[in-house]
Amino acid sequence: MFQRRVPLVRLLGFEIRFDLTWLIVVALIVWTLSAGYFPAAYADLPASTYFWMGIVGAAGLFTSIVLHELAHSVVGRRLGMDIHGITLFAFGGAAELSEEPATPRVEFLMAIAGPLMSIALAALFYLLGLALAAAEVAEPMVTVLGYLSAINVLLVVFNLLPAFPLDGGRVLRAALWAWRGDVDWATRIASMVGGAFGLGLMLLGVLAALRGNLLGGVWWLLIGLFIRATAAASYQRLRMHHMLAGISIRRLMRDQPIVIAPAASAAELVEDYLLGRSLKRVPVVEDGRYLGHVGVEEVKALTPQERSQRLVRDIMVPAEPDNIIALEAAAADALAQMQRTGHGRLYVVDGTRLAGVLTLGDLLKYLSVAAELQGNARGPGGMRGHAGSGAG
């Protein structure tokens, strides 16, 4: 989902990252608060004071979002889920799951943990504001704390709407899953509700824009688009994982990839591999051991003279965990890793030995055929229900 993530901080064992879209939203919120909200709530203050109020308000808002997602992550980890981190992006934040909840109970407890944290934060900010107001000190800060209390209440109300993939939609899916024992059906219904809710927000955004509230209308439209797209993608992701259930990487990978030695020159790489065999990227292997990869991106900045002087080992991208997967792993795990890291190609290793290469294209070709066969075998009813996990 996120391919431009930048590490921010590490909390309770979880890496907090942000997508570059988040920076735009931070700037917009600081501007909105300092130029509009706080001057209307507390008049006759210097512009510099409103600016710092905007910064503190934005910092408090995103701290609240991080703590909301941390609540999801901590509860998920205690229930046995493997969670890789938290990413902040334009529309909030997301805990990144490498697997799906195994039972409706796990889904429900993870989903409800975030809103409960937001309720606690709303109460905390409200009580702090009351304390400062009673002491008659830091009156601008009382206004900021009032805003943070109100925004956390708004986050609770919005997130508890029964529209997947919002927390309320996940609670709805958990209830439907527990009722019918069919995670596919539960996800499909919750996704349909989420899609309808997203469409409603889009229509509200258009109406708001037509009535003169252009900025607010655009925000509602974008949020609606995001919810609608994410709801549909969550159901499709679940279907793909179920179609890959029981399928090994061995079955789908290319087990005799073209490789290059680290002692080869960059010129040889270009002539014999990139141009000679129309490849964009080549794994670097020495004595069967996978060392990394090299390709167009690594050589295009070199001059012809540099290409004849530099060796592959000098310019290659070293092996890293994000684009390596074990030979014994399942194909569904490979798909989850690609979705999490944004890599469309994984190098399959047996220990340190390169056993093959698996690309997103390989997975999609299999899924395309499997989907057609399932459609023909099952008719218009679609997939059979599986007892298992929901979409993360």
Protein backbone atom coordinates (compact mmCIF):
# COMPACT_ATOMS: atom_id res chain seq x y z
CA MET A 1 0.00 0.00 0.00
CA PHE A 2 2.71 2.50 0.98
CA GLN A 3 5.87 2.60 -1.10
CA ARG A 4 7.44 5.89 0.06
CA ARG A 5 7.72 5.24 3.79
CA VAL A 6 10.23 7.15 5.90
CA PRO A 7 11.15 5.90 9.41
CA LEU A 8 10.14 8.36 12.14
CA VAL A 9 10.54 6.74 15.58
CA ARG A 10 10.33 3.35 17.30
CA LEU A 11 7.78 2.85 20.11
CA LEU A 12 7.10 -0.33 22.11
CA GLY A 13 8.96 -2.35 19.51
CA PHE A 14 6.98 -0.96 16.56
CA GLU A 15 8.60 1.22 13.91
CA ILE A 16 6.54 4.34 13.21
CA ARG A 17 6.90 5.48 9.60
CA PHE A 18 5.23 8.12 7.47
CA ASP A 19 4.23 8.18 3.85
CA LEU A 20 5.29 11.37 2.04
CA THR A 21 1.63 12.32 1.62
CA TRP A 22 1.52 12.81 5.40
CA LEU A 23 3.81 15.86 5.17
CA ILE A 24 1.29 17.66 2.96
CA VAL A 25 -1.49 16.99 5.46
CA VAL A 26 0.64 18.21 8.38
CA ALA A 27 1.19 21.52 6.61
CA LEU A 28 -2.51 21.83 5.75
CA ILE A 29 -3.60 21.14 9.33
CA VAL A 30 -1.13 23.63 10.82
CA TRP A 31 -2.38 26.26 8.37
CA THR A 32 -6.07 25.46 9.00
CA LEU A 33 -5.68 25.59 12.77
CA SER A 34 -3.48 28.68 12.94
CA ALA A 35 -5.34 30.70 10.30
CA GLY A 36 -8.90 29.61 10.93
CA TYR A 37 -9.88 27.42 13.85
CA PHE A 38 -7.88 28.95 16.72
CA PRO A 39 -8.43 32.63 15.77
CA ALA A 40 -12.18 31.91 15.71
CA ALA A 41 -12.05 30.07 19.05
CA TYR A 42 -9.78 32.54 20.89
CA ALA A 43 -9.59 36.05 19.43
CA ASP A 44 -7.04 38.88 19.64
CA LEU A 45 -3.82 36.90 19.94
CA PRO A 46 -0.61 37.59 17.99
CA ALA A 47 -0.21 35.71 14.71
CA SER A 48 2.90 33.98 16.10
CA THR A 49 0.85 32.58 19.00
CA TYR A 50 -1.74 31.17 16.60
CA PHE A 51 1.09 29.62 14.59
CA TRP A 52 2.52 27.81 17.61
CA MET A 53 -0.99 26.78 18.67
CA GLY A 54 -1.39 25.26 15.21
CA ILE A 55 1.88 23.36 15.51
CA VAL A 56 1.00 22.02 18.99
CA GLY A 57 -2.51 21.12 17.83
CA ALA A 58 -1.21 19.24 14.77
CA ALA A 59 1.43 17.47 16.89
CA GLY A 60 -1.25 16.45 19.39
CA LEU A 61 -3.53 15.21 16.62
CA PHE A 62 -0.90 12.98 15.04
CA THR A 63 0.29 11.79 18.46
CA SER A 64 -3.32 10.76 19.08
CA ILE A 65 -3.39 8.89 15.76
CA VAL A 66 -0.12 7.09 16.58
CA LEU A 67 -1.43 6.07 20.02
CA HIS A 68 -4.69 4.90 18.41
CA GLU A 69 -2.75 2.67 16.02
CA LEU A 70 -0.38 1.56 18.80
CA ALA A 71 -3.42 0.30 20.72
CA HIS A 72 -4.39 -1.82 17.71
CA SER A 73 -0.80 -3.06 17.37
CA VAL A 74 -0.18 -3.88 21.05
CA VAL A 75 -3.45 -5.80 21.36
CA GLY A 76 -2.75 -7.59 18.07
CA ARG A 77 0.73 -8.59 19.19
CA ARG A 78 -0.61 -9.93 22.50
CA LEU A 79 -3.11 -12.01 20.50
CA GLY A 80 -0.34 -13.52 18.39
CA MET A 81 -0.48 -11.26 15.34
CA ASP A 82 2.71 -10.35 13.48
CA ILE A 83 2.65 -6.56 13.03
CA HIS A 84 5.53 -4.89 11.21
CA GLY A 85 4.91 -1.28 12.12
CA ILE A 86 2.65 1.74 11.76
CA THR A 87 2.52 4.10 8.80
CA LEU A 88 1.08 7.61 8.92
CA PHE A 89 -0.44 8.79 5.66
CA ALA A 90 -2.78 11.41 4.25
CA PHE A 91 -5.96 10.01 5.82
CA GLY A 92 -4.62 8.93 9.22
CA GLY A 93 -2.59 5.87 10.11
CA ALA A 94 -2.47 2.12 9.61
CA ALA A 95 -0.98 -0.80 11.52
CA GLU A 96 0.71 -3.09 9.00
CA LEU A 97 -0.26 -6.74 9.44
CA SER A 98 1.70 -9.55 7.82
CA GLU A 99 -1.21 -11.91 8.37
CA GLU A 100 -4.95 -11.70 8.86
CA PRO A 101 -6.79 -12.12 12.18
CA ALA A 102 -7.40 -15.83 12.80
CA THR A 103 -10.76 -15.57 14.56
CA PRO A 104 -13.66 -13.10 14.95
CA ARG A 105 -12.58 -12.54 18.57
CA VAL A 106 -9.09 -11.42 17.50
CA GLU A 107 -10.60 -9.15 14.85
CA PHE A 108 -13.02 -7.57 17.34
CA LEU A 109 -10.47 -7.00 20.11
CA MET A 110 -7.94 -5.47 17.72
CA ALA A 111 -10.57 -3.24 16.10
CA ILE A 112 -12.07 -1.91 19.32
CA ALA A 113 -8.69 -1.16 20.96
CA GLY A 114 -8.12 1.96 18.83
CA PRO A 115 -11.42 3.71 19.63
CA LEU A 116 -11.00 2.88 23.33
CA MET A 117 -7.60 4.59 23.26
CA SER A 118 -9.13 7.64 21.54
CA ILE A 119 -11.85 7.82 24.21
CA ALA A 120 -9.16 7.74 26.91
CA LEU A 121 -7.20 10.50 25.14
CA ALA A 122 -10.32 12.66 24.76
CA ALA A 123 -10.95 12.38 28.50
CA LEU A 124 -7.30 13.11 29.33
CA PHE A 125 -7.13 16.24 27.18
CA TYR A 126 -10.48 17.44 28.58
CA LEU A 127 -9.34 17.01 32.19
CA LEU A 128 -6.01 18.73 31.49
CA GLY A 129 -7.90 21.63 29.93
CA LEU A 130 -10.16 21.89 32.98
CA ALA A 131 -7.14 21.91 35.29
CA LEU A 132 -5.40 24.69 33.36
CA ALA A 133 -8.64 26.70 33.13
CA ALA A 134 -9.17 26.39 36.89
CA ALA A 135 -5.62 27.60 37.50
CA GLU A 136 -6.20 30.48 35.06
CA VAL A 137 -2.90 29.89 33.31
CA ALA A 138 -1.89 29.17 29.72
CA GLU A 139 -5.30 30.09 28.31
CA PRO A 140 -4.24 29.48 24.67
CA MET A 141 -3.19 25.99 25.74
CA VAL A 142 -6.66 25.41 27.19
CA THR A 143 -8.06 26.10 23.71
CA VAL A 144 -5.60 23.65 22.15
CA LEU A 145 -6.49 20.96 24.70
CA GLY A 146 -10.18 21.56 24.02
CA TYR A 147 -9.51 21.03 20.31
CA LEU A 148 -7.57 17.80 20.97
CA SER A 149 -10.35 16.46 23.19
CA ALA A 150 -12.97 17.26 20.55
CA ILE A 151 -10.92 15.82 17.68
CA ASN A 152 -10.42 12.54 19.53
CA VAL A 153 -14.19 12.31 20.10
CA LEU A 154 -14.63 12.92 16.36
CA LEU A 155 -12.08 10.20 15.60
CA VAL A 156 -14.05 7.76 17.76
CA VAL A 157 -17.37 8.61 16.09
CA PHE A 158 -15.90 8.42 12.58
CA ASN A 159 -13.94 5.20 13.18
CA LEU A 160 -16.91 3.41 14.73
CA LEU A 161 -19.09 3.91 11.67
CA PRO A 162 -19.85 0.38 10.38
CA ALA A 163 -17.97 0.93 7.14
CA PHE A 164 -15.07 -1.38 6.35
CA PRO A 165 -12.09 -0.80 6.60
CA LEU A 166 -12.82 1.63 9.46
CA ASP A 167 -12.71 0.12 12.95
CA GLY A 168 -16.50 -0.01 13.08
CA GLY A 169 -16.49 -1.92 9.80
CA ARG A 170 -14.04 -4.41 11.28
CA VAL A 171 -16.30 -4.83 14.30
CA LEU A 172 -19.18 -5.44 11.87
CA ARG A 173 -17.12 -8.03 10.00
CA ALA A 174 -16.18 -9.77 13.25
CA ALA A 175 -19.88 -9.97 14.22
CA LEU A 176 -20.93 -11.30 10.80
CA TRP A 177 -18.00 -13.73 10.79
CA ALA A 178 -18.94 -15.05 14.25
CA TRP A 179 -22.58 -15.37 13.17
CA ARG A 180 -22.09 -17.28 9.92
CA GLY A 181 -18.59 -18.68 10.37
CA ASP A 182 -17.76 -17.45 6.86
CA VAL A 183 -15.03 -14.84 6.66
CA ASP A 184 -15.42 -14.38 2.88
CA TRP A 185 -19.11 -13.56 3.19
CA ALA A 186 -18.49 -11.31 6.23
CA THR A 187 -15.74 -9.42 4.41
CA ARG A 188 -17.84 -9.06 1.28
CA ILE A 189 -20.80 -7.61 3.20
CA ALA A 190 -18.59 -5.30 5.31
CA SER A 191 -16.77 -4.16 2.15
CA MET A 192 -20.07 -3.43 0.41
CA VAL A 193 -21.15 -1.29 3.39
CA GLY A 194 -17.77 0.45 3.33
CA GLY A 195 -18.06 1.08 -0.40
CA ALA A 196 -21.55 2.54 0.01
CA PHE A 197 -20.36 4.73 2.86
CA GLY A 198 -17.44 5.95 0.76
CA LEU A 199 -19.82 6.78 -2.08
CA GLY A 200 -22.00 8.73 0.37
CA LEU A 201 -18.99 10.77 1.51
CA MET A 202 -18.10 11.49 -2.10
CA LEU A 203 -21.61 12.79 -2.79
CA LEU A 204 -21.49 14.94 0.35
CA GLY A 205 -18.15 16.31 -0.83
CA VAL A 206 -19.61 17.28 -4.20
CA LEU A 207 -22.60 18.96 -2.52
CA ALA A 208 -20.33 20.84 -0.12
CA ALA A 209 -18.18 22.08 -3.01
CA LEU A 210 -21.25 23.22 -4.95
CA ARG A 211 -22.42 25.16 -1.90
CA GLY A 212 -19.13 27.05 -1.69
CA ASN A 213 -17.15 24.92 0.79
CA LEU A 214 -14.56 23.88 -1.77
CA LEU A 215 -11.79 22.80 0.64
CA GLY A 216 -14.13 20.79 2.86
CA GLY A 217 -15.80 19.26 -0.18
CA VAL A 218 -12.49 18.13 -1.64
CA TRP A 219 -11.52 16.50 1.67
CA TRP A 220 -14.82 14.59 1.92
CA LEU A 221 -14.46 13.53 -1.71
CA LEU A 222 -10.90 12.25 -1.20
CA ILE A 223 -11.76 10.44 2.04
CA GLY A 224 -14.76 8.83 0.34
CA LEU A 225 -12.63 7.71 -2.59
CA PHE A 226 -10.04 6.27 -0.19
CA ILE A 227 -12.61 4.33 1.86
CA ARG A 228 -14.37 3.00 -1.23
CA ALA A 229 -11.13 1.87 -2.87
CA THR A 230 -9.71 0.36 0.33
CA ALA A 231 -12.93 -1.55 1.05
CA ALA A 232 -12.87 -3.16 -2.39
CA ALA A 233 -9.11 -3.84 -2.20
CA SER A 234 -9.45 -5.51 1.22
CA TYR A 235 -11.96 -8.03 -0.11
CA GLN A 236 -9.88 -8.72 -3.21
CA ARG A 237 -6.78 -9.16 -1.06
CA LEU A 238 -8.60 -11.73 1.09
CA ARG A 239 -9.74 -13.63 -2.03
CA MET A 240 -6.20 -13.66 -3.40
CA HIS A 241 -4.77 -15.02 -0.15
CA HIS A 242 -7.39 -17.77 -0.09
CA MET A 243 -6.69 -18.72 -3.70
CA LEU A 244 -3.01 -19.03 -2.81
CA ALA A 245 -3.71 -21.13 0.30
CA GLY A 246 -1.64 -24.31 0.21
CA ILE A 247 0.36 -23.19 -2.83
CA SER A 248 4.13 -23.27 -2.35
CA ILE A 249 6.64 -20.83 -3.79
CA ARG A 250 8.38 -23.77 -5.48
CA ARG A 251 5.35 -24.18 -7.74
CA LEU A 252 5.29 -20.59 -9.02
CA MET A 253 8.90 -19.38 -8.95
CA ARG A 254 11.34 -19.36 -11.86
CA ASP A 255 13.91 -21.90 -10.70
CA GLN A 256 16.67 -21.23 -13.23
CA PRO A 257 17.12 -17.46 -13.24
CA ILE A 258 19.84 -15.76 -15.24
CA VAL A 259 22.54 -14.58 -12.82
CA ILE A 260 25.73 -12.55 -12.99
CA ALA A 261 28.99 -12.86 -11.05
CA PRO A 262 30.16 -9.98 -8.83
CA ALA A 263 33.49 -9.89 -10.70
CA ALA A 264 31.83 -9.02 -14.02
CA SER A 265 32.20 -5.46 -15.28
CA ALA A 266 29.32 -3.00 -15.52
CA ALA A 267 29.96 -2.88 -19.30
CA GLU A 268 29.50 -6.65 -19.51
CA LEU A 269 26.30 -6.32 -17.47
CA VAL A 270 24.94 -3.79 -19.96
CA GLU A 271 25.94 -5.56 -23.18
CA ASP A 272 25.34 -9.20 -22.28
CA TYR A 273 22.44 -8.96 -19.84
CA LEU A 274 20.48 -5.68 -19.88
CA LEU A 275 20.66 -5.13 -23.65
CA GLY A 276 21.73 -8.61 -24.76
CA ARG A 277 18.88 -10.40 -22.95
CA SER A 278 16.45 -7.48 -22.46
CA LEU A 279 16.64 -7.71 -18.67
CA LYS A 280 16.10 -4.84 -16.26
CA ARG A 281 17.52 -6.50 -13.17
CA VAL A 282 19.85 -9.43 -12.56
CA PRO A 283 20.60 -11.32 -9.33
CA VAL A 284 24.27 -11.33 -8.32
CA VAL A 285 25.48 -14.81 -7.35
CA GLU A 286 28.87 -16.18 -6.33
CA ASP A 287 29.35 -19.93 -5.79
CA GLY A 288 25.57 -20.30 -5.70
CA ARG A 289 25.20 -17.74 -2.90
CA TYR A 290 22.84 -14.81 -3.45
CA LEU A 291 24.65 -11.51 -2.79
CA GLY A 292 22.23 -8.90 -4.14
CA HIS A 293 20.92 -7.57 -7.42
CA VAL A 294 21.98 -5.10 -10.09
CA GLY A 295 20.23 -3.54 -13.04
CA VAL A 296 19.34 -0.51 -15.09
CA GLU A 297 19.01 1.82 -12.10
CA GLU A 298 22.55 1.05 -10.92
CA VAL A 299 24.32 1.56 -14.28
CA LYS A 300 22.39 4.32 -16.02
CA ALA A 301 24.27 7.06 -14.14
CA LEU A 302 27.68 5.66 -15.16
CA THR A 303 29.60 6.99 -18.16
CA PRO A 304 30.78 4.49 -20.82
CA GLN A 305 34.31 4.71 -19.38
CA GLU A 306 33.07 4.11 -15.85
CA ARG A 307 31.09 1.09 -17.03
CA SER A 308 34.28 -0.54 -18.30
CA GLN A 309 36.12 0.23 -15.05
CA ARG A 310 33.51 -0.59 -12.40
CA LEU A 311 32.65 -4.12 -11.31
CA VAL A 312 29.20 -5.43 -10.51
CA ARG A 313 30.18 -5.87 -6.85
CA ASP A 314 30.88 -2.11 -6.68
CA ILE A 315 27.44 -1.01 -7.84
CA MET A 316 25.08 -3.85 -6.85
CA VAL A 317 22.32 -3.48 -4.25
CA PRO A 318 23.24 -5.86 -1.39
CA ALA A 319 20.79 -8.55 -0.32
CA GLU A 320 18.19 -7.25 2.15
CA PRO A 321 15.41 -9.02 4.08
CA ASP A 322 12.63 -7.11 2.29
CA ASN A 323 13.26 -8.77 -1.08
CA ILE A 324 14.34 -12.23 0.09
CA ILE A 325 12.01 -15.10 0.93
CA ALA A 326 12.71 -18.66 2.01
CA LEU A 327 12.17 -21.53 -0.41
CA GLU A 328 9.79 -23.26 2.00
CA ALA A 329 7.52 -20.22 2.43
CA ALA A 330 3.98 -20.20 1.10
CA ALA A 331 2.93 -18.22 -1.96
CA ALA A 332 0.44 -16.31 0.21
CA ASP A 333 3.35 -15.17 2.40
CA ALA A 334 5.17 -13.94 -0.70
CA LEU A 335 2.13 -11.92 -1.77
CA ALA A 336 1.83 -10.42 1.73
CA GLN A 337 5.52 -9.48 1.68
CA MET A 338 5.19 -7.81 -1.72
CA GLN A 339 2.15 -5.84 -0.53
CA ARG A 340 3.94 -4.77 2.64
CA THR A 341 7.27 -3.75 1.11
CA GLY A 342 6.24 -2.61 -2.36
CA HIS A 343 8.75 -4.98 -3.99
CA GLY A 344 7.43 -6.68 -7.12
CA ARG A 345 10.23 -9.25 -7.21
CA LEU A 346 11.46 -11.60 -4.48
CA TYR A 347 14.64 -13.67 -4.54
CA VAL A 348 13.94 -17.17 -3.25
CA VAL A 349 16.76 -18.57 -1.14
CA ASP A 350 17.52 -21.98 0.34
CA GLY A 351 19.77 -20.90 3.19
CA THR A 352 22.08 -18.54 1.32
CA ARG A 353 21.76 -20.31 -2.03
CA LEU A 354 19.64 -18.65 -4.71
CA ALA A 355 16.89 -21.15 -5.57
CA GLY A 356 14.79 -18.98 -7.87
CA VAL A 357 12.99 -15.70 -8.50
CA LEU A 358 9.32 -14.95 -7.89
CA THR A 359 7.66 -11.86 -9.37
CA LEU A 360 4.30 -10.23 -8.78
CA GLY A 361 3.50 -11.05 -12.40
CA ASP A 362 3.98 -14.77 -11.66
CA LEU A 363 1.50 -14.56 -8.79
CA LEU A 364 -1.02 -12.54 -10.78
CA LYS A 365 -0.94 -14.99 -13.70
CA TYR A 366 -1.74 -17.86 -11.34
CA LEU A 367 -4.47 -15.86 -9.60
CA SER A 368 -6.05 -14.88 -12.92
CA VAL A 369 -6.36 -18.51 -14.04
CA ALA A 370 -7.48 -19.66 -10.57
CA ALA A 371 -10.18 -16.98 -10.46
CA GLU A 372 -11.55 -18.05 -13.87
CA LEU A 373 -11.59 -21.72 -12.82
CA GLN A 374 -13.34 -20.90 -9.55
CA GLY A 375 -15.92 -18.83 -11.38
CA ASN A 376 -16.66 -21.67 -13.82
CA ALA A 377 -16.74 -24.31 -11.10
CA ARG A 378 -18.86 -22.38 -8.60
CA GLY A 379 -21.07 -20.32 -10.85
CA PRO A 380 -22.33 -16.84 -9.99
CA GLY A 381 -22.18 -17.48 -6.26
CA GLY A 382 -18.46 -16.82 -6.21
CA MET A 383 -16.04 -18.32 -3.68
CA ARG A 384 -16.95 -20.84 -1.06
CA GLY A 385 -16.61 -19.73 2.53
CA HIS A 386 -13.34 -20.42 4.36
CA ALA A 387 -12.89 -20.64 8.09
CA GLY A 388 -9.88 -18.45 8.56
CA SER A 389 -8.69 -14.93 8.70
CA GLY A 390 -10.01 -11.54 7.64
CA ALA A 391 -8.25 -8.90 5.63
CA GLY A 392 -5.68 -6.83 7.49
